[in-house]
Amino acid sequence: MSNKFFGQYLLEKGVISKEQLLTAIDVQQASNLTLGTIAINKGYLTEGQAELINLEQQRTDQRFGSLAVSMGYLEGKQVSELFIYQQRKRKFFGEILVEQQIFDKTVLLEHLEAHADLKKQSALMLDGAIYAHQYGKLIADIIGTTVRLFLRIAKMNIQVSDIIFEPVVLQAKQLAFSQEAELPEKIKIGYIMGDKLTGAVANNFLNIDVSDNPEVSQDAVCEFLNMVLGNALAGHCKNGHTVLAPPAINEPGSDLKEPYQSVFNITMVTPEQNFMLFVYNH
């Protein structure tokens, strides 16, 4: 049983169309501004100061508001004000559909309740599969860090959708980004992404448009993966030190599994597209 975002659930049920889904996502993204963007709009931060905070956030994996205060750019009361404003302006997906008169609040509540029940069942099954793995706690930490940093740095909301125990074959326009870690047993961890998602992650990670430079985009995703694993593996590696090999990139036709025997693939979904988080061990 796979876990879906509410919009994907409604699309698969035939309640909304693909065009309605994409329109609602665009409205939601335009409404749900980051704390840094709001601070710039209110004149509390310059773009340069927000960029410095973002860079520190990439390095330390801390909340934007906490870093802004510790770095001396904002006061605590300003962060509280920004957070309240952010929450007040936030739009939920279902709320947007009601505003667009796709259905009314009564129908929305019915769909929300049904979706919540399915998510609860899916979560139990997915958690069971993850923690049954030899490295279940580690995998859970990698997933948690991936979700957190995708939201903070890549500016994307993601979640676990499914578990696949068979090797995944890279499709056209897909790349595998991976690193090997010593735990002390060697394991291989990485992402499989399409070129569209690779470019989107790179653009948000670097805060510039590198869509016309695939090599830079790929290097940025490697750095992003390295940051995720550096944070997630802390405490799991021997002697308390994270031992990671340099990132590797594989193209279609590569044997990702070799020389590993055990395959564990986690399908991750964004509101628009999927990617794979994989863990291979002996």
C-alpha atoms as a PDB file:
ATOM      1  CA  MET A   1       0.000   0.000   0.000  1.00  0.00           C
ATOM      2  CA  SER A   2       1.637   3.238  -1.106  1.00  0.00           C
ATOM      3  CA  ASN A   3       1.473   6.575   0.654  1.00  0.00           C
ATOM      4  CA  LYS A   4       0.315   9.553  -1.432  1.00  0.00           C
ATOM      5  CA  PHE A   5       0.047  13.291  -1.031  1.00  0.00           C
ATOM      6  CA  PHE A   6      -3.555  14.468  -0.817  1.00  0.00           C
ATOM      7  CA  GLY A   7      -3.454  15.913  -4.341  1.00  0.00           C
ATOM      8  CA  GLN A   8      -2.073  12.695  -5.818  1.00  0.00           C
ATOM      9  CA  TYR A   9      -4.714  10.721  -3.922  1.00  0.00           C
ATOM     10  CA  LEU A  10      -7.493  12.891  -5.394  1.00  0.00           C
ATOM     11  CA  LEU A  11      -5.990  12.612  -8.882  1.00  0.00           C
ATOM     12  CA  GLU A  12      -5.839   8.803  -8.723  1.00  0.00           C
ATOM     13  CA  LYS A  13      -9.430   8.705  -7.412  1.00  0.00           C
ATOM     14  CA  GLY A  14     -10.523  10.777 -10.418  1.00  0.00           C
ATOM     15  CA  VAL A  15     -11.764  13.607  -8.226  1.00  0.00           C
ATOM     16  CA  ILE A  16      -9.518  16.235  -9.835  1.00  0.00           C
ATOM     17  CA  SER A  17      -7.706  16.510 -13.161  1.00  0.00           C
ATOM     18  CA  LYS A  18      -3.973  16.823 -13.769  1.00  0.00           C
ATOM     19  CA  GLU A  19      -4.475  20.469 -14.731  1.00  0.00           C
ATOM     20  CA  GLN A  20      -6.383  21.195 -11.510  1.00  0.00           C
ATOM     21  CA  LEU A  21      -3.641  19.465  -9.507  1.00  0.00           C
ATOM     22  CA  LEU A  22      -0.857  21.527 -11.078  1.00  0.00           C
ATOM     23  CA  THR A  23      -2.816  24.779 -10.744  1.00  0.00           C
ATOM     24  CA  ALA A  24      -3.453  24.161  -7.049  1.00  0.00           C
ATOM     25  CA  ILE A  25       0.227  23.306  -6.496  1.00  0.00           C
ATOM     26  CA  ASP A  26       1.259  26.578  -8.161  1.00  0.00           C
ATOM     27  CA  VAL A  27      -1.139  28.569  -5.965  1.00  0.00           C
ATOM     28  CA  GLN A  28       0.111  26.775  -2.865  1.00  0.00           C
ATOM     29  CA  GLN A  29       3.768  27.417  -3.691  1.00  0.00           C
ATOM     30  CA  ALA A  30       3.082  31.107  -4.334  1.00  0.00           C
ATOM     31  CA  SER A  31       1.241  31.431  -1.011  1.00  0.00           C
ATOM     32  CA  ASN A  32       3.508  29.391   1.252  1.00  0.00           C
ATOM     33  CA  LEU A  33       6.581  31.623   1.432  1.00  0.00           C
ATOM     34  CA  THR A  34       9.740  30.759   3.331  1.00  0.00           C
ATOM     35  CA  LEU A  35      10.634  32.615   6.517  1.00  0.00           C
ATOM     36  CA  GLY A  36      13.597  34.188   4.727  1.00  0.00           C
ATOM     37  CA  THR A  37      11.473  35.503   1.866  1.00  0.00           C
ATOM     38  CA  ILE A  38       8.981  37.034   4.298  1.00  0.00           C
ATOM     39  CA  ALA A  39      11.807  38.633   6.278  1.00  0.00           C
ATOM     40  CA  ILE A  40      13.204  40.182   3.081  1.00  0.00           C
ATOM     41  CA  ASN A  41       9.755  41.435   2.037  1.00  0.00           C
ATOM     42  CA  LYS A  42       9.288  43.072   5.440  1.00  0.00           C
ATOM     43  CA  GLY A  43      12.727  44.669   5.340  1.00  0.00           C
ATOM     44  CA  TYR A  44      14.074  42.698   8.298  1.00  0.00           C
ATOM     45  CA  LEU A  45      16.796  41.049   6.207  1.00  0.00           C
ATOM     46  CA  THR A  46      18.671  41.853   3.030  1.00  0.00           C
ATOM     47  CA  GLU A  47      18.934  39.189   0.333  1.00  0.00           C
ATOM     48  CA  GLY A  48      22.627  38.854   1.176  1.00  0.00           C
ATOM     49  CA  GLN A  49      21.917  38.222   4.861  1.00  0.00           C
ATOM     50  CA  ALA A  50      19.242  35.655   4.013  1.00  0.00           C
ATOM     51  CA  GLU A  51      21.717  33.909   1.711  1.00  0.00           C
ATOM     52  CA  LEU A  52      24.318  33.740   4.495  1.00  0.00           C
ATOM     53  CA  ILE A  53      21.747  32.193   6.819  1.00  0.00           C
ATOM     54  CA  ASN A  54      20.767  29.704   4.116  1.00  0.00           C
ATOM     55  CA  LEU A  55      24.403  28.719   3.631  1.00  0.00           C
ATOM     56  CA  GLU A  56      24.845  28.188   7.372  1.00  0.00           C
ATOM     57  CA  GLN A  57      21.618  26.194   7.415  1.00  0.00           C
ATOM     58  CA  GLN A  58      23.053  23.860   4.777  1.00  0.00           C
ATOM     59  CA  ARG A  59      26.136  23.323   6.915  1.00  0.00           C
ATOM     60  CA  THR A  60      24.492  22.885  10.323  1.00  0.00           C
ATOM     61  CA  ASP A  61      20.964  21.606   9.551  1.00  0.00           C
ATOM     62  CA  GLN A  62      19.270  24.078  11.908  1.00  0.00           C
ATOM     63  CA  ARG A  63      16.079  26.099  11.572  1.00  0.00           C
ATOM     64  CA  PHE A  64      16.289  29.368   9.654  1.00  0.00           C
ATOM     65  CA  GLY A  65      14.839  31.429  12.501  1.00  0.00           C
ATOM     66  CA  SER A  66      17.178  30.007  15.134  1.00  0.00           C
ATOM     67  CA  LEU A  67      20.196  30.645  12.921  1.00  0.00           C
ATOM     68  CA  ALA A  68      19.049  34.185  12.110  1.00  0.00           C
ATOM     69  CA  VAL A  69      18.960  34.957  15.850  1.00  0.00           C
ATOM     70  CA  SER A  70      22.265  33.230  16.702  1.00  0.00           C
ATOM     71  CA  MET A  71      23.986  35.014  13.803  1.00  0.00           C
ATOM     72  CA  GLY A  72      22.678  38.375  15.030  1.00  0.00           C
ATOM     73  CA  TYR A  73      20.470  39.219  12.036  1.00  0.00           C
ATOM     74  CA  LEU A  74      17.078  38.943  13.753  1.00  0.00           C
ATOM     75  CA  GLU A  75      15.658  39.182  17.252  1.00  0.00           C
ATOM     76  CA  GLY A  76      13.539  36.436  18.753  1.00  0.00           C
ATOM     77  CA  LYS A  77      10.387  38.566  18.680  1.00  0.00           C
ATOM     78  CA  GLN A  78      10.919  39.238  14.966  1.00  0.00           C
ATOM     79  CA  VAL A  79      11.200  35.519  14.258  1.00  0.00           C
ATOM     80  CA  SER A  80       7.974  34.908  16.192  1.00  0.00           C
ATOM     81  CA  GLU A  81       6.241  37.649  14.197  1.00  0.00           C
ATOM     82  CA  LEU A  82       7.479  36.175  10.911  1.00  0.00           C
ATOM     83  CA  PHE A  83       6.389  32.672  11.897  1.00  0.00           C
ATOM     84  CA  ILE A  84       2.871  33.846  12.835  1.00  0.00           C
ATOM     85  CA  TYR A  85       2.598  35.737   9.535  1.00  0.00           C
ATOM     86  CA  GLN A  86       3.827  32.663   7.631  1.00  0.00           C
ATOM     87  CA  GLN A  87       1.236  30.409   9.275  1.00  0.00           C
ATOM     88  CA  ARG A  88      -1.565  32.931   8.743  1.00  0.00           C
ATOM     89  CA  LYS A  89      -0.817  33.186   5.020  1.00  0.00           C
ATOM     90  CA  ARG A  90      -0.292  29.453   4.543  1.00  0.00           C
ATOM     91  CA  LYS A  91      -2.758  27.725   2.238  1.00  0.00           C
ATOM     92  CA  PHE A  92      -3.549  24.019   2.412  1.00  0.00           C
ATOM     93  CA  PHE A  93      -4.133  22.042  -0.754  1.00  0.00           C
ATOM     94  CA  GLY A  94      -7.753  21.214   0.022  1.00  0.00           C
ATOM     95  CA  GLU A  95      -8.489  24.810   0.956  1.00  0.00           C
ATOM     96  CA  ILE A  96      -7.314  25.917  -2.484  1.00  0.00           C
ATOM     97  CA  LEU A  97      -9.587  23.398  -4.210  1.00  0.00           C
ATOM     98  CA  VAL A  98     -12.562  24.762  -2.264  1.00  0.00           C
ATOM     99  CA  GLU A  99     -11.580  28.342  -3.189  1.00  0.00           C
ATOM    100  CA  GLN A 100     -11.454  27.258  -6.846  1.00  0.00           C
ATOM    101  CA  GLN A 101     -14.947  25.730  -6.415  1.00  0.00           C
ATOM    102  CA  ILE A 102     -13.808  22.260  -7.460  1.00  0.00           C
ATOM    103  CA  PHE A 103     -15.853  20.934  -4.522  1.00  0.00           C
ATOM    104  CA  ASP A 104     -17.315  22.286  -1.267  1.00  0.00           C
ATOM    105  CA  LYS A 105     -16.092  21.965   2.324  1.00  0.00           C
ATOM    106  CA  THR A 106     -18.344  19.007   3.097  1.00  0.00           C
ATOM    107  CA  VAL A 107     -16.900  16.962   0.224  1.00  0.00           C
ATOM    108  CA  LEU A 108     -13.392  18.122   1.177  1.00  0.00           C
ATOM    109  CA  LEU A 109     -13.802  16.799   4.724  1.00  0.00           C
ATOM    110  CA  GLU A 110     -14.996  13.443   3.388  1.00  0.00           C
ATOM    111  CA  HIS A 111     -11.938  13.109   1.158  1.00  0.00           C
ATOM    112  CA  LEU A 112      -9.593  14.274   3.949  1.00  0.00           C
ATOM    113  CA  GLU A 113     -10.975  11.654   6.317  1.00  0.00           C
ATOM    114  CA  ALA A 114     -10.624   8.850   3.764  1.00  0.00           C
ATOM    115  CA  HIS A 115      -7.099   9.975   2.870  1.00  0.00           C
ATOM    116  CA  ALA A 116      -6.089  10.160   6.545  1.00  0.00           C
ATOM    117  CA  ASP A 117      -7.246   6.570   7.117  1.00  0.00           C
ATOM    118  CA  LEU A 118      -5.211   5.337   4.157  1.00  0.00           C
ATOM    119  CA  LYS A 119      -2.131   7.271   5.294  1.00  0.00           C
ATOM    120  CA  LYS A 120      -2.381   5.756   8.761  1.00  0.00           C
ATOM    121  CA  GLN A 121      -2.527   2.224   7.343  1.00  0.00           C
ATOM    122  CA  SER A 122       0.311   2.937   4.914  1.00  0.00           C
ATOM    123  CA  ALA A 123       2.500   4.451   7.637  1.00  0.00           C
ATOM    124  CA  LEU A 124       2.193   1.334   9.800  1.00  0.00           C
ATOM    125  CA  MET A 125       3.160  -0.952   6.922  1.00  0.00           C
ATOM    126  CA  LEU A 126       6.048   1.255   5.748  1.00  0.00           C
ATOM    127  CA  ASP A 127       7.452   1.734   9.261  1.00  0.00           C
ATOM    128  CA  GLY A 128       7.277  -2.005   9.830  1.00  0.00           C
ATOM    129  CA  ALA A 129       9.250  -2.707   6.645  1.00  0.00           C
ATOM    130  CA  ILE A 130      11.869  -0.064   7.455  1.00  0.00           C
ATOM    131  CA  TYR A 131      12.519  -1.130  11.059  1.00  0.00           C
ATOM    132  CA  ALA A 132      12.598  -4.819  10.097  1.00  0.00           C
ATOM    133  CA  HIS A 133      15.737  -4.057   8.053  1.00  0.00           C
ATOM    134  CA  GLN A 134      19.165  -4.741   9.531  1.00  0.00           C
ATOM    135  CA  TYR A 135      19.898  -1.010   9.368  1.00  0.00           C
ATOM    136  CA  GLY A 136      16.348   0.116  10.134  1.00  0.00           C
ATOM    137  CA  LYS A 137      17.287   2.887  12.560  1.00  0.00           C
ATOM    138  CA  LEU A 138      19.900   4.228  10.169  1.00  0.00           C
ATOM    139  CA  ILE A 139      17.475   4.129   7.224  1.00  0.00           C
ATOM    140  CA  ALA A 140      14.869   5.968   9.293  1.00  0.00           C
ATOM    141  CA  ASP A 141      17.458   8.645  10.128  1.00  0.00           C
ATOM    142  CA  ILE A 142      18.430   8.985   6.447  1.00  0.00           C
ATOM    143  CA  ILE A 143      14.774   9.319   5.455  1.00  0.00           C
ATOM    144  CA  GLY A 144      14.138  11.892   8.190  1.00  0.00           C
ATOM    145  CA  THR A 145      17.173  13.954   7.211  1.00  0.00           C
ATOM    146  CA  THR A 146      16.289  13.718   3.519  1.00  0.00           C
ATOM    147  CA  VAL A 147      12.734  14.946   4.187  1.00  0.00           C
ATOM    148  CA  ARG A 148      13.970  17.768   6.429  1.00  0.00           C
ATOM    149  CA  LEU A 149      16.695  19.031   4.099  1.00  0.00           C
ATOM    150  CA  PHE A 150      14.523  18.729   0.997  1.00  0.00           C
ATOM    151  CA  LEU A 151      12.070  21.070   2.706  1.00  0.00           C
ATOM    152  CA  ARG A 152      14.636  23.513   4.080  1.00  0.00           C
ATOM    153  CA  ILE A 153      17.137  23.604   1.241  1.00  0.00           C
ATOM    154  CA  ALA A 154      15.595  22.100  -1.887  1.00  0.00           C
ATOM    155  CA  LYS A 155      12.279  23.827  -0.982  1.00  0.00           C
ATOM    156  CA  MET A 156      10.267  20.668  -1.642  1.00  0.00           C
ATOM    157  CA  ASN A 157       7.830  18.769   0.532  1.00  0.00           C
ATOM    158  CA  ILE A 158       8.484  15.027   0.206  1.00  0.00           C
ATOM    159  CA  GLN A 159       7.373  11.833   1.918  1.00  0.00           C
ATOM    160  CA  VAL A 160       7.871   8.068   1.818  1.00  0.00           C
ATOM    161  CA  SER A 161       5.488   6.410  -0.630  1.00  0.00           C
ATOM    162  CA  ASP A 162       6.509   2.761  -0.996  1.00  0.00           C
ATOM    163  CA  ILE A 163       9.182   0.113  -0.353  1.00  0.00           C
ATOM    164  CA  ILE A 164      10.639  -2.012  -3.165  1.00  0.00           C
ATOM    165  CA  PHE A 165      12.878  -5.019  -2.472  1.00  0.00           C
ATOM    166  CA  GLU A 166      13.956  -5.668  -6.063  1.00  0.00           C
ATOM    167  CA  PRO A 167      16.835  -3.973  -7.944  1.00  0.00           C
ATOM    168  CA  VAL A 168      15.777  -0.849  -9.805  1.00  0.00           C
ATOM    169  CA  VAL A 169      16.870  -0.337 -13.416  1.00  0.00           C
ATOM    170  CA  LEU A 170      17.798   3.216 -14.338  1.00  0.00           C
ATOM    171  CA  GLN A 171      15.525   4.617 -17.003  1.00  0.00           C
ATOM    172  CA  ALA A 172      16.388   7.160 -19.688  1.00  0.00           C
ATOM    173  CA  LYS A 173      17.045  10.635 -18.248  1.00  0.00           C
ATOM    174  CA  GLN A 174      17.685   9.140 -14.803  1.00  0.00           C
ATOM    175  CA  LEU A 175      20.894   9.229 -12.777  1.00  0.00           C
ATOM    176  CA  ALA A 176      21.938   7.480  -9.562  1.00  0.00           C
ATOM    177  CA  PHE A 177      23.869   9.549  -7.015  1.00  0.00           C
ATOM    178  CA  SER A 178      25.455   7.427  -4.289  1.00  0.00           C
ATOM    179  CA  GLN A 179      28.097   7.140  -1.586  1.00  0.00           C
ATOM    180  CA  GLU A 180      29.560   4.187   0.261  1.00  0.00           C
ATOM    181  CA  ALA A 181      29.774   4.304   4.063  1.00  0.00           C
ATOM    182  CA  GLU A 182      31.745   2.205   6.565  1.00  0.00           C
ATOM    183  CA  LEU A 183      29.512   1.091   9.472  1.00  0.00           C
ATOM    184  CA  PRO A 184      31.960  -0.868   9.797  1.00  0.00           C
ATOM    185  CA  GLU A 185      30.339  -3.060   7.121  1.00  0.00           C
ATOM    186  CA  LYS A 186      30.340  -1.198   3.824  1.00  0.00           C
ATOM    187  CA  ILE A 187      26.927  -0.103   2.564  1.00  0.00           C
ATOM    188  CA  LYS A 188      25.846   1.977  -0.427  1.00  0.00           C
ATOM    189  CA  ILE A 189      23.298   4.780  -0.090  1.00  0.00           C
ATOM    190  CA  GLY A 190      21.939   7.114  -2.726  1.00  0.00           C
ATOM    191  CA  TYR A 191      19.193   8.697  -4.783  1.00  0.00           C
ATOM    192  CA  ILE A 192      17.840   7.864  -8.230  1.00  0.00           C
ATOM    193  CA  MET A 193      16.442  11.010  -9.872  1.00  0.00           C
ATOM    194  CA  GLY A 194      15.161  12.141 -13.225  1.00  0.00           C
ATOM    195  CA  ASP A 195      16.840  15.112 -14.894  1.00  0.00           C
ATOM    196  CA  LYS A 196      13.944  17.473 -14.079  1.00  0.00           C
ATOM    197  CA  LEU A 197      14.175  16.826 -10.345  1.00  0.00           C
ATOM    198  CA  THR A 198      17.984  16.883 -10.459  1.00  0.00           C
ATOM    199  CA  GLY A 199      17.839  20.363 -11.963  1.00  0.00           C
ATOM    200  CA  ALA A 200      15.237  21.594  -9.470  1.00  0.00           C
ATOM    201  CA  VAL A 201      17.232  20.354  -6.458  1.00  0.00           C
ATOM    202  CA  ALA A 202      20.434  21.895  -7.847  1.00  0.00           C
ATOM    203  CA  ASN A 203      18.808  25.267  -8.558  1.00  0.00           C
ATOM    204  CA  ASN A 204      17.405  25.553  -5.033  1.00  0.00           C
ATOM    205  CA  PHE A 205      20.553  24.183  -3.413  1.00  0.00           C
ATOM    206  CA  LEU A 206      22.789  26.670  -5.240  1.00  0.00           C
ATOM    207  CA  ASN A 207      20.168  29.444  -5.286  1.00  0.00           C
ATOM    208  CA  ILE A 208      20.936  30.099  -8.968  1.00  0.00           C
ATOM    209  CA  ASP A 209      19.574  28.699 -12.213  1.00  0.00           C
ATOM    210  CA  VAL A 210      21.979  26.054 -13.548  1.00  0.00           C
ATOM    211  CA  SER A 211      19.406  24.342 -15.772  1.00  0.00           C
ATOM    212  CA  ASP A 212      21.637  24.759 -18.812  1.00  0.00           C
ATOM    213  CA  ASN A 213      24.644  23.155 -17.107  1.00  0.00           C
ATOM    214  CA  PRO A 214      24.013  19.446 -16.336  1.00  0.00           C
ATOM    215  CA  GLU A 215      27.481  18.919 -14.854  1.00  0.00           C
ATOM    216  CA  VAL A 216      26.983  21.684 -12.289  1.00  0.00           C
ATOM    217  CA  SER A 217      23.508  20.343 -11.488  1.00  0.00           C
ATOM    218  CA  GLN A 218      24.889  16.849 -10.913  1.00  0.00           C
ATOM    219  CA  ASP A 219      27.727  18.130  -8.728  1.00  0.00           C
ATOM    220  CA  ALA A 220      25.196  20.092  -6.656  1.00  0.00           C
ATOM    221  CA  VAL A 221      23.071  16.983  -6.053  1.00  0.00           C
ATOM    222  CA  CYS A 222      26.232  15.102  -5.018  1.00  0.00           C
ATOM    223  CA  GLU A 223      26.977  17.830  -2.486  1.00  0.00           C
ATOM    224  CA  PHE A 224      23.398  17.736  -1.263  1.00  0.00           C
ATOM    225  CA  LEU A 225      23.562  13.943  -0.794  1.00  0.00           C
ATOM    226  CA  ASN A 226      26.889  14.261   1.006  1.00  0.00           C
ATOM    227  CA  MET A 227      25.335  16.796   3.399  1.00  0.00           C
ATOM    228  CA  VAL A 228      22.314  14.567   4.050  1.00  0.00           C
ATOM    229  CA  LEU A 229      24.458  11.518   4.788  1.00  0.00           C
ATOM    230  CA  GLY A 230      26.966  13.483   6.848  1.00  0.00           C
ATOM    231  CA  ASN A 231      24.129  14.515   9.159  1.00  0.00           C
ATOM    232  CA  ALA A 232      22.187  11.242   9.108  1.00  0.00           C
ATOM    233  CA  LEU A 233      25.138   8.919   9.676  1.00  0.00           C
ATOM    234  CA  ALA A 234      26.535  10.809  12.666  1.00  0.00           C
ATOM    235  CA  GLY A 235      26.529   8.342  15.541  1.00  0.00           C
ATOM    236  CA  HIS A 236      26.107   5.295  13.293  1.00  0.00           C
ATOM    237  CA  CYS A 237      29.700   4.981  12.063  1.00  0.00           C
ATOM    238  CA  LYS A 238      32.607   3.348  13.854  1.00  0.00           C
ATOM    239  CA  ASN A 239      34.387   5.427  16.530  1.00  0.00           C
ATOM    240  CA  GLY A 240      31.685   8.063  16.139  1.00  0.00           C
ATOM    241  CA  HIS A 241      33.197   9.305  12.865  1.00  0.00           C
ATOM    242  CA  THR A 242      31.318   9.369   9.589  1.00  0.00           C
ATOM    243  CA  VAL A 243      33.376   7.543   6.959  1.00  0.00           C
ATOM    244  CA  LEU A 244      32.013   8.329   3.509  1.00  0.00           C
ATOM    245  CA  ALA A 245      33.538   7.640   0.113  1.00  0.00           C
ATOM    246  CA  PRO A 246      33.321  10.451  -2.482  1.00  0.00           C
ATOM    247  CA  PRO A 247      29.965  10.639  -4.293  1.00  0.00           C
ATOM    248  CA  ALA A 248      29.551   8.582  -7.464  1.00  0.00           C
ATOM    249  CA  ILE A 249      27.186   9.103 -10.393  1.00  0.00           C
ATOM    250  CA  ASN A 250      25.789   6.216 -12.438  1.00  0.00           C
ATOM    251  CA  GLU A 251      23.976   6.438 -15.766  1.00  0.00           C
ATOM    252  CA  PRO A 252      21.428   4.052 -17.344  1.00  0.00           C
ATOM    253  CA  GLY A 253      23.007   0.678 -18.046  1.00  0.00           C
ATOM    254  CA  SER A 254      25.041   0.642 -14.826  1.00  0.00           C
ATOM    255  CA  ASP A 255      24.737  -2.186 -12.315  1.00  0.00           C
ATOM    256  CA  LEU A 256      23.987  -0.284  -9.108  1.00  0.00           C
ATOM    257  CA  LYS A 257      23.762  -3.392  -6.967  1.00  0.00           C
ATOM    258  CA  GLU A 258      27.199  -4.879  -7.685  1.00  0.00           C
ATOM    259  CA  PRO A 259      28.843  -6.094  -5.424  1.00  0.00           C
ATOM    260  CA  TYR A 260      26.025  -5.936  -2.849  1.00  0.00           C
ATOM    261  CA  GLN A 261      23.436  -8.651  -2.192  1.00  0.00           C
ATOM    262  CA  SER A 262      20.699  -6.908  -0.203  1.00  0.00           C
ATOM    263  CA  VAL A 263      18.470  -4.334  -1.946  1.00  0.00           C
ATOM    264  CA  PHE A 264      16.202  -1.851  -0.158  1.00  0.00           C
ATOM    265  CA  ASN A 265      14.554   0.897  -2.216  1.00  0.00           C
ATOM    266  CA  ILE A 266      12.323   3.598  -0.760  1.00  0.00           C
ATOM    267  CA  THR A 267      10.097   5.476  -3.189  1.00  0.00           C
ATOM    268  CA  MET A 268       9.965   9.154  -2.195  1.00  0.00           C
ATOM    269  CA  VAL A 269       7.338  11.449  -3.660  1.00  0.00           C
ATOM    270  CA  THR A 270       7.074  15.180  -4.115  1.00  0.00           C
ATOM    271  CA  PRO A 271       3.667  16.667  -5.019  1.00  0.00           C
ATOM    272  CA  GLU A 272       4.667  16.358  -8.691  1.00  0.00           C
ATOM    273  CA  GLN A 273       7.299  13.643  -9.177  1.00  0.00           C
ATOM    274  CA  ASN A 274       8.966  10.626  -7.576  1.00  0.00           C
ATOM    275  CA  PHE A 275      12.526   9.609  -6.869  1.00  0.00           C
ATOM    276  CA  MET A 276      14.201   6.651  -5.174  1.00  0.00           C
ATOM    277  CA  LEU A 277      16.286   6.475  -2.016  1.00  0.00           C
ATOM    278  CA  PHE A 278      18.246   3.212  -2.030  1.00  0.00           C
ATOM    279  CA  VAL A 279      20.343   1.291   0.510  1.00  0.00           C
ATOM    280  CA  TYR A 280      22.459  -1.708  -0.524  1.00  0.00           C
ATOM    281  CA  ASN A 281      24.409  -3.917   1.863  1.00  0.00           C
ATOM    282  CA  HIS A 282      25.977  -7.384   1.947  1.00  0.00           C
END
